[in-house]
Amino acid sequence: MEKTIWLCVMIPLAALFTGLGIFAWRRKKPMWFWSGSEVDERELTDVPAYNRANGIMWLAFSGVFWLCAILGFFSVSAAGAAVAVGTIGGIPVLVLVYRHIYNKYKRK
C-alpha cells in the first residue's frame, strides 16, 4: 500500500518537473526562474540557448524524482531519504545553476 501511495505522489511530481523542463526548452520567450519575475528578451544574447539550458536544468532536477520513484519499488524509506536529500540539496543547486545560466546569456 505504501508503495502505491509513494508512486502516486512521486510520478506526478517527476512528470511536473519534466514538463517544466520541456516547456522551458520549447518556449519562444525567455523562461523565468523566480515566481512572479520575468526575463526581458533584450537582457539576453541568445534566448533559444538560454531556454535550452533552463530546460536541461529542470529535466536534470526531475531525474531526482524519477530515480526516487524507482527506488520506492525497493524501499520506500530509502526513497524518502533520497528525495529529502535531493530536494534539500537540489534547490540551492538550482539557484546556483540558474544564476550561471543567466550570467552566461546576459548582455554585457
Protein backbone atom coordinates (compact mmCIF):
# COMPACT_ATOMS: atom_id res chain seq x y z
CA MET A 1 0.00 0.00 0.00
CA GLU A 2 2.74 2.48 0.90
CA LYS A 3 4.49 1.79 -2.41
CA THR A 4 1.30 2.66 -4.27
CA ILE A 5 0.94 5.92 -2.36
CA TRP A 6 4.62 6.67 -2.96
CA LEU A 7 4.24 6.16 -6.70
CA CYS A 8 1.01 8.17 -6.81
CA VAL A 9 2.95 11.11 -5.36
CA MET A 10 6.37 10.73 -6.98
CA ILE A 11 5.39 10.02 -10.58
CA PRO A 12 3.18 13.14 -10.96
CA LEU A 13 5.85 15.23 -9.21
CA ALA A 14 8.58 13.90 -11.50
CA ALA A 15 6.31 14.44 -14.51
CA LEU A 16 5.64 18.02 -13.37
CA PHE A 17 9.35 18.90 -13.36
CA THR A 18 9.87 17.03 -16.63
CA GLY A 19 7.02 19.03 -18.15
CA LEU A 20 8.53 22.24 -16.82
CA GLY A 21 11.84 21.31 -18.46
CA ILE A 22 10.19 20.60 -21.80
CA PHE A 23 8.14 23.79 -21.55
CA ALA A 24 11.25 25.86 -20.81
CA TRP A 25 13.20 24.21 -23.63
CA ARG A 26 10.50 24.89 -26.24
CA ARG A 27 9.44 28.33 -25.07
CA LYS A 28 9.99 31.17 -27.55
CA LYS A 29 10.21 33.94 -24.95
CA PRO A 30 12.75 33.76 -22.12
CA MET A 31 11.87 31.34 -19.33
CA TRP A 32 11.74 32.80 -15.84
CA PHE A 33 13.04 31.17 -12.69
CA TRP A 34 11.64 33.11 -9.76
CA SER A 35 7.90 33.18 -9.27
CA GLY A 36 6.42 36.48 -10.40
CA SER A 37 9.54 37.61 -12.26
CA GLU A 38 10.11 37.91 -15.98
CA VAL A 39 13.26 38.00 -18.07
CA ASP A 40 13.23 40.56 -20.87
CA GLU A 41 14.46 39.29 -24.26
CA ARG A 42 16.67 42.37 -24.54
CA GLU A 43 18.60 41.22 -21.45
CA LEU A 44 19.82 38.07 -23.22
CA THR A 45 22.19 37.36 -26.08
CA ASP A 46 20.66 34.02 -27.17
CA VAL A 47 17.11 33.26 -26.00
CA PRO A 48 16.87 29.72 -27.50
CA ALA A 49 20.17 28.66 -25.89
CA TYR A 50 19.12 30.26 -22.58
CA ASN A 51 15.80 28.38 -22.66
CA ARG A 52 17.50 25.12 -23.66
CA ALA A 53 19.86 25.44 -20.67
CA ASN A 54 16.90 26.20 -18.42
CA GLY A 55 15.07 23.15 -19.76
CA ILE A 56 18.07 20.90 -19.17
CA MET A 57 18.34 22.23 -15.62
CA TRP A 58 14.71 21.29 -14.86
CA LEU A 59 14.99 17.93 -16.63
CA ALA A 60 18.03 17.08 -14.52
CA PHE A 61 16.13 18.07 -11.37
CA SER A 62 13.22 15.86 -12.41
CA GLY A 63 15.68 12.97 -12.65
CA VAL A 64 15.95 13.01 -8.85
CA PHE A 65 12.23 12.33 -8.56
CA TRP A 66 12.20 9.67 -11.29
CA LEU A 67 15.05 7.86 -9.56
CA CYS A 68 13.29 8.12 -6.21
CA ALA A 69 10.08 6.75 -7.74
CA ILE A 70 12.04 3.71 -8.98
CA LEU A 71 13.86 3.39 -5.66
CA GLY A 72 10.44 3.34 -3.98
CA PHE A 73 9.76 -0.05 -5.56
CA PHE A 74 12.53 -1.50 -3.41
CA SER A 75 12.44 0.63 -0.26
CA VAL A 76 10.07 3.49 0.46
CA SER A 77 12.12 4.66 3.44
CA ALA A 78 15.32 4.79 1.35
CA ALA A 79 13.43 6.59 -1.40
CA GLY A 80 12.06 9.07 1.15
CA ALA A 81 15.55 9.79 2.44
CA ALA A 82 16.83 10.16 -1.14
CA VAL A 83 14.08 12.60 -2.11
CA ALA A 84 14.72 14.63 1.06
CA VAL A 85 18.43 14.86 0.28
CA GLY A 86 17.70 15.51 -3.41
CA THR A 87 15.34 18.39 -2.75
CA ILE A 88 17.15 19.95 0.19
CA GLY A 89 20.42 19.81 -1.73
CA GLY A 90 18.84 20.30 -5.14
CA ILE A 91 17.08 23.59 -4.54
CA PRO A 92 20.26 25.56 -3.72
CA VAL A 93 21.92 23.86 -6.70
CA LEU A 94 19.03 25.01 -8.91
CA VAL A 95 19.57 28.59 -7.76
CA LEU A 96 23.31 28.42 -8.47
CA VAL A 97 22.83 26.76 -11.86
CA TYR A 98 20.17 29.30 -12.85
CA ARG A 99 22.48 32.18 -11.88
CA HIS A 100 25.20 30.62 -14.04
CA ILE A 101 22.78 30.25 -16.98
CA TYR A 102 21.51 33.80 -16.63
CA ASN A 103 25.01 35.28 -16.36
CA LYS A 104 26.21 33.23 -19.33
CA TYR A 105 23.48 34.61 -21.63
CA LYS A 106 23.11 38.08 -20.11
CA ARG A 107 24.09 41.01 -22.31
CA LYS A 108 27.23 42.63 -21.03
